[in-house]
Each structure stands twice: as C-alpha cells, then as structure tokens.
C-alpha cells in the first residue's frame, strides 16, 4: 500500500465524522457536507498520487508526513479542511452568480416544488442557447466566472467596449426570452455591485 493510501485510510477512519461535521457547519446540509468532503479528498489525494521525482524519493511529502507534534490534526487534515472551505465558497459563489445573471431565476425558485430550481436553471440554459456565440461567452465569463469586463475582453481578445455591447445585447435577449420585466433589478457581480454599465465603462445608477 502506498503511503498516501495509508494516510487516506487513516484520515477517513479516524477523522471522517469531524470532517463531515466541519463541512456541515459551513453548508448546513448533511448530503452536501458529505459531497464536500468527498470532493476535497479527491482533490487533495489526487495530488498525492503523483509519483515523486527520482531525486526526491527519500524526501517526505509535506502533506503526507506533516504530523502536528502537539497532537492536533495532521497537515493533511488541515489541507483537506482548507479545501472543503474553498470548494464550499466556490459553490456558493457559483450559485449566487446563477441567481444574479437573470432575476427570474431567484423568483422562479420561490414558493414552488423541489423541481423548480432545476426547471429555472433549464430555462436559463435554454435562453443562453438563444444568444450568439460571443454574447453567450461574454455572459458566462462576466456573470458565471465573475470576471471583470477588462478580463473578459482579454480572454476573448476583444475591446472592452465590444464586450459591453455584447453584454447589453445579451441582457435584452435574456429578458425577452425569460419574460423578465424591464424594471427588474439588473444582474449584480459577486461583489454585490450593479452590473449595468454604460458604454464608457461607468456603472449606470439605479
């Protein structure tokens, strides 16, 4: 058995309950907590499975052998906890951006059955499919990946003004397809700021 396998087995055997409890405190959902832990373990131990370079065969891996001499968790467990937190925050940001890209999504999920969230997301996915390729790319990068307009422009190889035009045209199309009222709140970025921007780069006030 490889050293990383032994560490994984020991970690799961001795610390599974504590790690799930930590994940649960973050997300408040037992099933999601289990998923977060599993994803974190896969992410952490996928790195540990990478064979060490020939020149480093005698060097202890810091994540595998970094035990805390004070009797606390190993460095591996600390890294798993950190990864759980990162995965949770990433998931929260994605969910938040999903609801912000089109206000209808949030309202569609309120007061309806358990399938309503999936239905609303399917509606948005179908609406995105109505956009031109560059408009869709701009929307995904801006609101789902939370990039700034200059970052989107750089990623797409376009001028910032062109990206703003794509975003503006895409918003009109999405509102029409999803039947969002014109006076509905504009999408916001993960920072909570209004995402409606004028052609000169200033954010339009509401």
N, C-alpha and C. Protein backbone atom coordinates (compact mmCIF):
# COMPACT_ATOMS: atom_id res chain seq x y z
N UNK A 1 0.85 -1.20 0.00
CA UNK A 1 0.00 0.00 0.00
C UNK A 1 0.88 1.24 0.00
N UNK A 2 0.57 2.16 -0.91
CA UNK A 2 1.33 3.40 -0.98
C UNK A 2 1.10 4.23 0.27
N UNK A 3 2.08 5.09 0.57
CA UNK A 3 1.99 5.91 1.78
C UNK A 3 0.74 6.77 1.76
N UNK A 4 0.41 7.36 0.61
CA UNK A 4 -0.76 8.24 0.55
C UNK A 4 -2.04 7.46 0.80
N UNK A 5 -2.08 6.18 0.38
CA UNK A 5 -3.26 5.35 0.62
C UNK A 5 -3.44 5.08 2.10
N UNK A 6 -2.32 4.85 2.79
CA UNK A 6 -2.38 4.61 4.23
C UNK A 6 -2.88 5.85 4.96
N UNK A 7 -2.39 7.01 4.52
CA UNK A 7 -2.81 8.27 5.15
C UNK A 7 -4.29 8.51 4.90
N UNK A 8 -4.75 8.26 3.67
CA UNK A 8 -6.16 8.44 3.34
C UNK A 8 -7.04 7.53 4.19
N UNK A 9 -6.64 6.27 4.30
CA UNK A 9 -7.42 5.31 5.09
C UNK A 9 -7.49 5.73 6.55
N UNK A 10 -6.36 6.17 7.09
CA UNK A 10 -6.35 6.59 8.49
C UNK A 10 -7.18 7.85 8.69
N UNK A 11 -7.08 8.77 7.76
CA UNK A 11 -7.83 10.02 7.86
C UNK A 11 -9.33 9.76 7.83
N UNK A 12 -9.76 8.92 6.90
CA UNK A 12 -11.18 8.61 6.78
C UNK A 12 -11.67 7.83 7.99
N UNK A 13 -10.86 6.90 8.48
CA UNK A 13 -11.26 6.07 9.62
C UNK A 13 -11.38 6.88 10.91
N UNK A 14 -10.39 7.73 11.15
CA UNK A 14 -10.34 8.44 12.43
C UNK A 14 -11.02 9.81 12.42
N UNK A 15 -11.04 10.47 11.27
CA UNK A 15 -11.47 11.87 11.25
C UNK A 15 -12.67 12.15 10.37
N UNK A 16 -13.29 11.09 9.83
CA UNK A 16 -14.41 11.29 8.92
C UNK A 16 -15.53 12.09 9.58
N UNK A 17 -15.91 11.70 10.78
CA UNK A 17 -17.02 12.37 11.46
C UNK A 17 -16.70 13.84 11.71
N UNK A 18 -15.48 14.12 12.14
CA UNK A 18 -15.09 15.51 12.41
C UNK A 18 -15.08 16.35 11.13
N UNK A 19 -14.61 15.75 10.05
CA UNK A 19 -14.54 16.48 8.79
C UNK A 19 -15.92 16.73 8.21
N UNK A 20 -16.81 15.74 8.31
CA UNK A 20 -18.18 15.94 7.85
C UNK A 20 -18.86 17.00 8.71
N UNK A 21 -18.59 16.97 10.02
CA UNK A 21 -19.15 17.98 10.91
C UNK A 21 -18.70 19.38 10.54
N UNK A 22 -17.43 19.50 10.18
CA UNK A 22 -16.90 20.79 9.76
C UNK A 22 -17.59 21.26 8.49
N UNK A 23 -17.73 20.36 7.52
CA UNK A 23 -18.39 20.71 6.27
C UNK A 23 -19.86 21.08 6.51
N UNK A 24 -20.50 20.37 7.45
CA UNK A 24 -21.90 20.65 7.75
C UNK A 24 -22.08 22.03 8.36
N UNK A 25 -21.14 22.42 9.22
CA UNK A 25 -21.22 23.75 9.81
C UNK A 25 -21.15 24.83 8.73
N UNK A 26 -20.42 24.54 7.66
CA UNK A 26 -20.30 25.51 6.57
C UNK A 26 -21.57 25.59 5.73
N UNK A 27 -22.08 24.42 5.33
CA UNK A 27 -23.17 24.41 4.35
C UNK A 27 -24.56 24.20 4.94
N UNK A 28 -24.63 23.59 6.13
CA UNK A 28 -25.92 23.38 6.76
C UNK A 28 -26.76 22.27 6.15
N UNK A 29 -26.14 21.40 5.34
CA UNK A 29 -26.87 20.33 4.69
C UNK A 29 -26.03 19.05 4.77
N UNK A 30 -26.60 17.98 5.33
CA UNK A 30 -25.84 16.76 5.57
C UNK A 30 -25.33 16.13 4.27
N UNK A 31 -26.18 16.07 3.26
CA UNK A 31 -25.75 15.46 1.99
C UNK A 31 -24.67 16.29 1.32
N UNK A 32 -24.86 17.60 1.32
CA UNK A 32 -23.85 18.47 0.72
C UNK A 32 -22.53 18.38 1.49
N UNK A 33 -22.63 18.22 2.81
CA UNK A 33 -21.41 18.09 3.62
C UNK A 33 -20.62 16.85 3.21
N UNK A 34 -21.31 15.74 3.01
CA UNK A 34 -20.63 14.52 2.56
C UNK A 34 -20.00 14.73 1.19
N UNK A 35 -20.73 15.40 0.30
CA UNK A 35 -20.20 15.67 -1.04
C UNK A 35 -18.96 16.56 -0.99
N UNK A 36 -19.02 17.57 -0.13
CA UNK A 36 -17.87 18.47 0.01
C UNK A 36 -16.64 17.71 0.48
N UNK A 37 -16.83 16.82 1.46
CA UNK A 37 -15.70 16.05 1.97
C UNK A 37 -15.14 15.14 0.88
N UNK A 38 -16.01 14.44 0.17
CA UNK A 38 -15.53 13.54 -0.87
C UNK A 38 -14.78 14.29 -1.96
N UNK A 39 -15.32 15.43 -2.37
CA UNK A 39 -14.65 16.23 -3.40
C UNK A 39 -13.30 16.73 -2.91
N UNK A 40 -13.25 17.12 -1.63
CA UNK A 40 -11.99 17.61 -1.07
C UNK A 40 -10.95 16.50 -1.01
N UNK A 41 -11.37 15.31 -0.59
CA UNK A 41 -10.44 14.19 -0.52
C UNK A 41 -9.89 13.84 -1.91
N UNK A 42 -10.78 13.84 -2.89
CA UNK A 42 -10.33 13.55 -4.26
C UNK A 42 -9.32 14.58 -4.72
N UNK A 43 -9.63 15.84 -4.44
CA UNK A 43 -8.76 16.93 -4.89
C UNK A 43 -7.39 16.86 -4.22
N UNK A 44 -7.38 16.62 -2.91
CA UNK A 44 -6.12 16.59 -2.17
C UNK A 44 -5.30 15.36 -2.52
N UNK A 45 -5.93 14.20 -2.50
CA UNK A 45 -5.16 12.97 -2.68
C UNK A 45 -4.83 12.69 -4.14
N UNK A 46 -5.50 13.36 -5.07
CA UNK A 46 -5.09 13.24 -6.47
C UNK A 46 -3.69 13.81 -6.63
N UNK A 47 -3.38 14.84 -5.85
CA UNK A 47 -2.04 15.43 -5.89
C UNK A 47 -1.02 14.49 -5.26
N UNK A 48 -1.44 13.81 -4.20
CA UNK A 48 -0.51 12.93 -3.51
C UNK A 48 -0.20 11.67 -4.31
N UNK A 49 -1.07 11.32 -5.24
CA UNK A 49 -0.85 10.12 -6.05
C UNK A 49 0.20 10.35 -7.13
N UNK A 50 0.51 11.62 -7.40
CA UNK A 50 1.51 11.92 -8.43
C UNK A 50 2.86 11.39 -7.98
N UNK A 51 3.50 10.56 -8.79
CA UNK A 51 4.80 10.00 -8.38
C UNK A 51 5.83 11.09 -8.11
N UNK A 52 6.63 10.88 -7.08
CA UNK A 52 7.67 11.86 -6.75
C UNK A 52 8.81 11.76 -7.76
N UNK A 53 9.49 12.87 -8.04
CA UNK A 53 10.65 12.84 -8.94
C UNK A 53 11.72 11.90 -8.39
N UNK A 54 12.51 11.28 -9.26
CA UNK A 54 13.55 10.34 -8.81
C UNK A 54 14.49 10.92 -7.77
N UNK A 55 14.77 12.21 -7.87
CA UNK A 55 15.71 12.84 -6.95
C UNK A 55 15.10 13.10 -5.59
N UNK A 56 13.80 12.91 -5.49
CA UNK A 56 13.13 13.24 -4.23
C UNK A 56 12.57 11.99 -3.55
N UNK A 57 13.07 10.79 -3.94
CA UNK A 57 12.48 9.56 -3.42
C UNK A 57 12.63 9.42 -1.91
N UNK A 58 13.61 10.06 -1.34
CA UNK A 58 13.84 9.93 0.10
C UNK A 58 13.25 11.08 0.89
N UNK A 59 12.57 11.99 0.21
CA UNK A 59 12.02 13.17 0.87
C UNK A 59 10.58 12.93 1.26
N UNK A 60 10.24 13.20 2.50
CA UNK A 60 8.86 13.04 2.95
C UNK A 60 7.98 14.07 2.28
N UNK A 61 6.79 13.63 1.91
CA UNK A 61 5.84 14.57 1.33
C UNK A 61 5.25 15.39 2.47
N UNK A 62 5.27 16.71 2.37
CA UNK A 62 4.80 17.54 3.49
C UNK A 62 3.35 17.30 3.86
N UNK A 63 2.51 16.95 2.88
CA UNK A 63 1.11 16.71 3.20
C UNK A 63 0.88 15.34 3.81
N UNK A 64 1.73 14.38 3.45
CA UNK A 64 1.57 13.02 3.96
C UNK A 64 2.19 12.87 5.34
N UNK A 65 3.35 13.43 5.54
CA UNK A 65 4.10 13.20 6.77
C UNK A 65 4.15 14.41 7.71
N UNK A 66 3.31 15.41 7.44
CA UNK A 66 3.37 16.61 8.27
C UNK A 66 2.51 16.54 9.50
N UNK A 67 2.79 15.60 10.38
CA UNK A 67 2.01 15.45 11.60
C UNK A 67 2.28 16.61 12.55
N UNK A 68 1.25 16.98 13.26
CA UNK A 68 1.37 18.04 14.25
C UNK A 68 1.87 17.42 15.55
N UNK A 69 3.05 17.80 15.99
CA UNK A 69 3.65 17.20 17.19
C UNK A 69 2.90 17.55 18.46
N UNK A 70 1.98 18.52 18.39
CA UNK A 70 1.20 18.88 19.57
C UNK A 70 -0.04 18.01 19.72
N UNK A 71 -0.18 17.02 18.86
CA UNK A 71 -1.32 16.12 18.98
C UNK A 71 -2.53 16.57 18.20
N UNK A 72 -2.39 17.65 17.45
CA UNK A 72 -3.50 18.13 16.65
C UNK A 72 -3.61 17.37 15.35
N UNK A 73 -4.45 17.83 14.44
CA UNK A 73 -4.61 17.14 13.16
C UNK A 73 -3.34 17.21 12.33
N UNK A 74 -3.17 16.25 11.46
CA UNK A 74 -2.02 16.27 10.57
C UNK A 74 -2.16 17.42 9.59
N UNK A 75 -1.06 17.74 8.94
CA UNK A 75 -1.10 18.77 7.91
C UNK A 75 -2.04 18.36 6.79
N UNK A 76 -2.14 17.05 6.56
CA UNK A 76 -3.06 16.57 5.52
C UNK A 76 -4.49 16.93 5.86
N UNK A 77 -4.88 16.69 7.12
CA UNK A 77 -6.25 17.03 7.51
C UNK A 77 -6.49 18.53 7.40
N UNK A 78 -5.52 19.31 7.81
CA UNK A 78 -5.66 20.76 7.72
C UNK A 78 -5.85 21.18 6.26
N UNK A 79 -5.13 20.52 5.37
CA UNK A 79 -5.25 20.84 3.95
C UNK A 79 -6.61 20.42 3.41
N UNK A 80 -7.12 19.28 3.89
CA UNK A 80 -8.46 18.83 3.49
C UNK A 80 -9.51 19.83 3.96
N UNK A 81 -9.37 20.30 5.20
CA UNK A 81 -10.32 21.28 5.72
C UNK A 81 -10.28 22.57 4.90
N UNK A 82 -9.09 22.99 4.56
CA UNK A 82 -8.95 24.19 3.75
C UNK A 82 -9.59 24.00 2.37
N UNK A 83 -9.43 22.80 1.81
CA UNK A 83 -10.02 22.51 0.51
C UNK A 83 -11.54 22.46 0.60
N UNK A 84 -12.07 21.91 1.69
CA UNK A 84 -13.52 21.91 1.90
C UNK A 84 -14.05 23.34 1.89
N UNK A 85 -13.37 24.22 2.60
CA UNK A 85 -13.78 25.62 2.65
C UNK A 85 -13.74 26.25 1.27
N UNK A 86 -12.67 26.00 0.53
CA UNK A 86 -12.54 26.57 -0.81
C UNK A 86 -13.65 26.07 -1.72
N UNK A 87 -13.93 24.77 -1.68
CA UNK A 87 -14.98 24.19 -2.51
C UNK A 87 -16.35 24.76 -2.14
N UNK A 88 -16.59 24.92 -0.83
CA UNK A 88 -17.86 25.48 -0.40
C UNK A 88 -18.04 26.91 -0.89
N UNK A 89 -17.00 27.73 -0.73
CA UNK A 89 -17.08 29.12 -1.16
C UNK A 89 -17.24 29.22 -2.67
N UNK A 90 -16.53 28.37 -3.41
CA UNK A 90 -16.67 28.36 -4.86
C UNK A 90 -18.09 28.00 -5.27
N UNK A 91 -18.67 27.01 -4.59
CA UNK A 91 -20.03 26.59 -4.88
C UNK A 91 -21.02 27.70 -4.56
N UNK A 92 -20.81 28.37 -3.44
CA UNK A 92 -21.70 29.47 -3.04
C UNK A 92 -21.64 30.61 -4.05
N UNK A 93 -20.43 30.92 -4.51
CA UNK A 93 -20.30 32.00 -5.50
C UNK A 93 -20.98 31.63 -6.80
N UNK A 94 -20.83 30.37 -7.23
CA UNK A 94 -21.48 29.94 -8.47
C UNK A 94 -22.99 30.04 -8.35
N UNK A 95 -23.55 29.59 -7.22
CA UNK A 95 -24.99 29.65 -7.02
C UNK A 95 -25.47 31.09 -6.99
N UNK A 96 -24.69 31.95 -6.35
CA UNK A 96 -25.07 33.35 -6.26
C UNK A 96 -25.06 34.00 -7.64
N UNK A 97 -24.00 33.73 -8.41
CA UNK A 97 -23.93 34.30 -9.75
C UNK A 97 -25.05 33.77 -10.64
N UNK A 98 -25.43 32.50 -10.44
CA UNK A 98 -26.50 31.92 -11.23
C UNK A 98 -27.80 32.70 -11.02
N UNK A 99 -28.07 33.05 -9.78
CA UNK A 99 -29.29 33.79 -9.48
C UNK A 99 -29.20 35.25 -9.90
N UNK A 100 -28.01 35.77 -10.00
CA UNK A 100 -27.84 37.18 -10.33
C UNK A 100 -27.86 37.44 -11.83
N UNK A 101 -27.52 36.43 -12.63
CA UNK A 101 -27.43 36.69 -14.06
C UNK A 101 -28.79 37.05 -14.64
N UNK A 102 -29.86 36.45 -14.12
CA UNK A 102 -31.22 36.78 -14.53
C UNK A 102 -32.10 36.76 -13.29
N UNK A 103 -32.72 37.88 -12.92
CA UNK A 103 -33.53 37.93 -11.70
C UNK A 103 -34.64 36.89 -11.67
N UNK A 104 -35.10 36.43 -12.84
CA UNK A 104 -36.18 35.47 -12.88
C UNK A 104 -35.82 34.18 -12.18
N UNK A 105 -34.55 33.82 -12.19
CA UNK A 105 -34.15 32.54 -11.62
C UNK A 105 -34.51 32.46 -10.15
N UNK A 106 -34.18 33.52 -9.41
CA UNK A 106 -34.46 33.52 -7.98
C UNK A 106 -35.95 33.46 -7.71
N UNK A 107 -36.74 34.27 -8.45
CA UNK A 107 -38.17 34.29 -8.22
C UNK A 107 -38.83 32.99 -8.65
N UNK A 108 -38.27 32.36 -9.67
CA UNK A 108 -38.85 31.11 -10.15
C UNK A 108 -38.68 29.99 -9.14
N UNK A 109 -37.66 30.10 -8.29
CA UNK A 109 -37.40 29.04 -7.32
C UNK A 109 -38.14 29.26 -6.01
N UNK A 110 -38.85 30.37 -5.88
CA UNK A 110 -39.50 30.71 -4.62
C UNK A 110 -40.93 30.19 -4.61
N UNK A 111 -41.26 29.44 -3.59
CA UNK A 111 -42.64 29.01 -3.41
C UNK A 111 -43.10 27.94 -4.37
N UNK A 112 -42.18 27.19 -4.95
CA UNK A 112 -42.55 26.13 -5.87
C UNK A 112 -41.97 24.81 -5.39
N UNK A 113 -42.25 23.75 -6.11
CA UNK A 113 -41.85 22.41 -5.71
C UNK A 113 -40.36 22.20 -5.78
N UNK A 114 -39.88 21.02 -5.36
CA UNK A 114 -38.44 20.74 -5.34
C UNK A 114 -37.80 20.74 -6.71
N UNK A 115 -38.62 20.56 -7.77
CA UNK A 115 -38.05 20.54 -9.11
C UNK A 115 -37.91 21.94 -9.69
N UNK A 116 -38.42 22.96 -8.98
CA UNK A 116 -38.45 24.30 -9.56
C UNK A 116 -37.07 24.85 -9.83
N UNK A 117 -36.09 24.58 -8.94
CA UNK A 117 -34.74 25.09 -9.16
C UNK A 117 -34.15 24.56 -10.44
N UNK A 118 -34.30 23.25 -10.65
CA UNK A 118 -33.77 22.64 -11.87
C UNK A 118 -34.49 23.18 -13.09
N UNK A 119 -35.81 23.41 -12.96
CA UNK A 119 -36.57 23.95 -14.09
C UNK A 119 -36.10 25.34 -14.45
N UNK A 120 -35.89 26.18 -13.42
CA UNK A 120 -35.43 27.55 -13.68
C UNK A 120 -34.07 27.55 -14.34
N UNK A 121 -33.17 26.68 -13.86
CA UNK A 121 -31.84 26.62 -14.46
C UNK A 121 -31.91 26.13 -15.90
N UNK A 122 -32.85 25.19 -16.16
CA UNK A 122 -33.02 24.71 -17.53
C UNK A 122 -33.53 25.84 -18.42
N UNK A 123 -34.42 26.68 -17.87
CA UNK A 123 -34.92 27.82 -18.63
C UNK A 123 -33.79 28.77 -19.00
N UNK A 124 -32.92 29.05 -18.04
CA UNK A 124 -31.80 29.95 -18.31
C UNK A 124 -30.84 29.33 -19.32
N UNK A 125 -30.59 28.02 -19.18
CA UNK A 125 -29.71 27.35 -20.13
C UNK A 125 -30.28 27.44 -21.54
N UNK A 126 -31.60 27.26 -21.65
CA UNK A 126 -32.23 27.36 -22.96
C UNK A 126 -32.14 28.79 -23.50
N UNK A 127 -32.28 29.76 -22.59
CA UNK A 127 -32.18 31.16 -23.02
C UNK A 127 -30.77 31.48 -23.48
N UNK A 128 -29.78 30.97 -22.77
CA UNK A 128 -28.39 31.20 -23.17
C UNK A 128 -28.13 30.63 -24.56
N UNK A 129 -28.80 29.52 -24.88
CA UNK A 129 -28.61 28.89 -26.19
C UNK A 129 -29.13 29.78 -27.31
N UNK A 130 -29.98 30.76 -26.98
CA UNK A 130 -30.52 31.67 -27.99
C UNK A 130 -29.54 32.79 -28.33
N UNK A 131 -28.50 32.93 -27.53
CA UNK A 131 -27.54 34.01 -27.75
C UNK A 131 -26.54 33.63 -28.84
N UNK A 132 -26.00 34.66 -29.48
CA UNK A 132 -24.89 34.43 -30.41
C UNK A 132 -23.69 33.91 -29.61
N UNK A 133 -22.81 33.15 -30.24
CA UNK A 133 -21.69 32.55 -29.50
C UNK A 133 -20.89 33.53 -28.67
N UNK A 134 -20.56 34.69 -29.22
CA UNK A 134 -19.74 35.65 -28.46
C UNK A 134 -20.55 36.30 -27.34
N UNK A 135 -21.85 36.51 -27.56
CA UNK A 135 -22.68 37.05 -26.49
C UNK A 135 -22.74 36.05 -25.33
N UNK A 136 -22.94 34.80 -25.67
CA UNK A 136 -23.02 33.78 -24.64
C UNK A 136 -21.71 33.67 -23.88
N UNK A 137 -20.60 33.69 -24.60
CA UNK A 137 -19.29 33.61 -23.94
C UNK A 137 -19.09 34.79 -23.00
N UNK A 138 -19.50 35.97 -23.44
CA UNK A 138 -19.34 37.17 -22.61
C UNK A 138 -20.17 37.06 -21.33
N UNK A 139 -21.40 36.57 -21.46
CA UNK A 139 -22.28 36.42 -20.29
C UNK A 139 -21.70 35.40 -19.31
N UNK A 140 -21.25 34.27 -19.82
CA UNK A 140 -20.71 33.23 -18.94
C UNK A 140 -19.47 33.73 -18.21
N UNK A 141 -18.57 34.37 -18.94
CA UNK A 141 -17.33 34.86 -18.32
C UNK A 141 -17.61 35.97 -17.31
N UNK A 142 -18.55 36.85 -17.66
CA UNK A 142 -18.82 38.01 -16.79
C UNK A 142 -19.57 37.62 -15.53
N UNK A 143 -20.66 36.87 -15.67
CA UNK A 143 -21.55 36.63 -14.54
C UNK A 143 -21.35 35.28 -13.86
N UNK A 144 -20.92 34.27 -14.61
CA UNK A 144 -20.72 32.96 -14.00
C UNK A 144 -19.29 32.78 -13.50
N UNK A 145 -18.32 33.26 -14.28
CA UNK A 145 -16.92 33.19 -13.86
C UNK A 145 -16.51 34.42 -13.05
N UNK A 146 -17.39 35.43 -13.00
CA UNK A 146 -17.17 36.63 -12.19
C UNK A 146 -15.93 37.42 -12.62
N UNK A 147 -15.63 37.42 -13.91
CA UNK A 147 -14.52 38.22 -14.40
C UNK A 147 -14.96 39.66 -14.59
N UNK A 148 -14.03 40.58 -14.53
CA UNK A 148 -14.33 41.97 -14.83
C UNK A 148 -14.44 42.12 -16.34
N UNK A 149 -15.00 43.25 -16.78
CA UNK A 149 -15.11 43.49 -18.22
C UNK A 149 -13.74 43.47 -18.90
N UNK A 150 -12.72 44.14 -18.34
CA UNK A 150 -11.39 44.05 -18.96
C UNK A 150 -10.86 42.62 -19.03
N UNK A 151 -11.13 41.82 -18.00
CA UNK A 151 -10.68 40.43 -18.01
C UNK A 151 -11.41 39.62 -19.08
N UNK A 152 -12.71 39.88 -19.22
CA UNK A 152 -13.47 39.20 -20.27
C UNK A 152 -12.93 39.60 -21.64
N UNK A 153 -12.67 40.89 -21.79
CA UNK A 153 -12.13 41.38 -23.06
C UNK A 153 -10.81 40.71 -23.39
N UNK A 154 -9.96 40.58 -22.38
CA UNK A 154 -8.66 39.95 -22.60
C UNK A 154 -8.82 38.47 -22.96
N UNK A 155 -9.73 37.80 -22.27
CA UNK A 155 -9.95 36.37 -22.53
C UNK A 155 -10.51 36.13 -23.92
N UNK A 156 -11.35 37.06 -24.40
CA UNK A 156 -11.99 36.89 -25.70
C UNK A 156 -11.22 37.56 -26.82
N UNK A 157 -10.17 38.32 -26.47
CA UNK A 157 -9.40 39.02 -27.49
C UNK A 157 -10.17 40.15 -28.13
N UNK A 158 -10.99 40.83 -27.32
CA UNK A 158 -11.83 41.91 -27.83
C UNK A 158 -11.58 43.19 -27.04
N UNK A 159 -12.08 44.30 -27.55
CA UNK A 159 -12.01 45.56 -26.83
C UNK A 159 -13.07 45.56 -25.74
N UNK A 160 -12.82 46.22 -24.59
CA UNK A 160 -13.81 46.27 -23.52
C UNK A 160 -15.16 46.82 -24.00
N UNK A 161 -15.13 47.83 -24.86
CA UNK A 161 -16.38 48.39 -25.37
C UNK A 161 -17.19 47.36 -26.13
N UNK A 162 -16.51 46.49 -26.86
CA UNK A 162 -17.21 45.44 -27.61
C UNK A 162 -17.85 44.44 -26.65
N UNK A 163 -17.14 44.10 -25.58
CA UNK A 163 -17.69 43.19 -24.58
C UNK A 163 -18.94 43.79 -23.94
N UNK A 164 -18.89 45.08 -23.62
CA UNK A 164 -20.05 45.74 -23.02
C UNK A 164 -21.25 45.70 -23.96
N UNK A 165 -20.99 45.86 -25.25
CA UNK A 165 -22.09 45.81 -26.22
C UNK A 165 -22.69 44.41 -26.27
N UNK A 166 -21.82 43.39 -26.24
CA UNK A 166 -22.32 42.02 -26.23
C UNK A 166 -23.16 41.76 -24.99
N UNK A 167 -22.69 42.23 -23.84
CA UNK A 167 -23.42 42.03 -22.59
C UNK A 167 -24.77 42.74 -22.62
N UNK A 168 -24.78 43.95 -23.16
CA UNK A 168 -26.03 44.71 -23.25
C UNK A 168 -27.02 44.02 -24.17
N UNK A 169 -26.56 43.59 -25.34
CA UNK A 169 -27.45 42.90 -26.28
C UNK A 169 -27.95 41.58 -25.70
N UNK A 170 -27.05 40.87 -25.00
CA UNK A 170 -27.43 39.59 -24.40
C UNK A 170 -28.47 39.78 -23.32
N UNK A 171 -28.34 40.84 -22.53
CA UNK A 171 -29.31 41.11 -21.47
C UNK A 171 -30.70 41.34 -22.05
N UNK A 172 -30.77 42.09 -23.14
CA UNK A 172 -32.06 42.34 -23.80
C UNK A 172 -32.68 41.02 -24.25
N UNK A 173 -31.88 40.17 -24.86
CA UNK A 173 -32.38 38.88 -25.34
C UNK A 173 -32.84 38.00 -24.20
N UNK A 174 -32.04 37.93 -23.14
CA UNK A 174 -32.39 37.08 -22.00
C UNK A 174 -33.67 37.55 -21.33
N UNK A 175 -33.82 38.84 -21.18
CA UNK A 175 -35.04 39.37 -20.56
C UNK A 175 -36.26 39.02 -21.40
N UNK A 176 -36.12 39.13 -22.72
CA UNK A 176 -37.25 38.83 -23.60
C UNK A 176 -37.61 37.35 -23.56
N UNK A 177 -36.61 36.50 -23.63
CA UNK A 177 -36.85 35.05 -23.65
C UNK A 177 -37.42 34.57 -22.32
N UNK A 178 -36.92 35.12 -21.22
CA UNK A 178 -37.34 34.68 -19.89
C UNK A 178 -38.48 35.51 -19.32
N UNK A 179 -38.98 36.45 -20.11
CA UNK A 179 -40.11 37.29 -19.70
C UNK A 179 -39.82 38.06 -18.42
N UNK A 180 -38.62 38.61 -18.33
CA UNK A 180 -38.24 39.43 -17.18
C UNK A 180 -38.68 40.86 -17.44
N UNK A 181 -39.43 41.50 -16.52
CA UNK A 181 -39.85 42.88 -16.72
C UNK A 181 -38.66 43.81 -16.92
N UNK A 182 -38.86 44.85 -17.71
CA UNK A 182 -37.77 45.80 -17.97
C UNK A 182 -37.31 46.51 -16.72
N UNK A 183 -38.21 46.64 -15.71
CA UNK A 183 -37.83 47.36 -14.50
C UNK A 183 -37.27 46.42 -13.43
N UNK A 184 -37.01 45.15 -13.79
CA UNK A 184 -36.41 44.23 -12.83
C UNK A 184 -34.99 44.65 -12.54
N UNK A 185 -34.51 44.28 -11.36
CA UNK A 185 -33.16 44.67 -10.97
C UNK A 185 -32.15 44.08 -11.93
N UNK A 186 -31.14 44.87 -12.24
CA UNK A 186 -30.08 44.40 -13.13
C UNK A 186 -29.23 43.38 -12.41
N UNK A 187 -28.61 42.44 -13.14
CA UNK A 187 -27.72 41.48 -12.51
C UNK A 187 -26.61 42.19 -11.78
N UNK A 188 -26.14 41.57 -10.70
CA UNK A 188 -25.02 42.13 -9.96
C UNK A 188 -23.87 41.16 -9.98
N UNK A 189 -22.68 41.70 -9.72
CA UNK A 189 -21.50 40.85 -9.67
C UNK A 189 -21.41 40.21 -8.30
N UNK A 190 -20.43 39.32 -8.11
CA UNK A 190 -20.26 38.66 -6.82
C UNK A 190 -19.94 39.65 -5.73
N UNK A 191 -19.43 40.81 -6.10
CA UNK A 191 -19.11 41.84 -5.11
C UNK A 191 -20.34 42.59 -4.67
N UNK A 192 -21.49 42.31 -5.34
CA UNK A 192 -22.74 42.94 -4.94
C UNK A 192 -23.02 44.24 -5.64
N UNK A 193 -22.23 44.64 -6.61
CA UNK A 193 -22.45 45.89 -7.31
C UNK A 193 -23.32 45.67 -8.52
N UNK A 194 -24.03 46.72 -8.90
CA UNK A 194 -24.89 46.65 -10.07
C UNK A 194 -24.04 46.43 -11.30
N UNK A 195 -24.44 45.46 -12.13
CA UNK A 195 -23.61 45.08 -13.26
C UNK A 195 -23.93 45.85 -14.53
N UNK A 196 -24.94 46.73 -14.51
CA UNK A 196 -25.26 47.50 -15.69
C UNK A 196 -24.21 48.58 -15.89
N UNK A 197 -23.60 48.63 -17.07
CA UNK A 197 -22.52 49.55 -17.31
C UNK A 197 -22.79 50.37 -18.56
N UNK A 198 -22.36 51.60 -18.54
CA UNK A 198 -22.51 52.45 -19.70
C UNK A 198 -21.39 52.15 -20.68
N UNK A 199 -21.50 52.68 -21.86
CA UNK A 199 -20.51 52.37 -22.89
C UNK A 199 -19.14 52.91 -22.56
N UNK A 200 -19.04 53.89 -21.66
CA UNK A 200 -17.72 54.43 -21.33
C UNK A 200 -17.12 53.76 -20.10
N UNK A 201 -17.79 52.69 -19.61
CA UNK A 201 -17.21 51.92 -18.51
C UNK A 201 -17.75 52.28 -17.15
N UNK A 202 -18.54 53.38 -17.04
CA UNK A 202 -19.10 53.74 -15.74
C UNK A 202 -20.34 52.89 -15.48
N UNK A 203 -20.56 52.56 -14.20
CA UNK A 203 -21.74 51.78 -13.86
C UNK A 203 -22.95 52.71 -13.83
N UNK A 204 -24.01 52.24 -14.46
CA UNK A 204 -25.22 53.06 -14.50
C UNK A 204 -25.93 52.94 -13.17
N UNK A 205 -26.34 54.05 -12.63
CA UNK A 205 -27.03 54.04 -11.35
C UNK A 205 -28.48 53.67 -11.51
N UNK A 206 -29.04 53.11 -10.43
CA UNK A 206 -30.45 52.77 -10.41
C UNK A 206 -31.07 53.29 -9.13
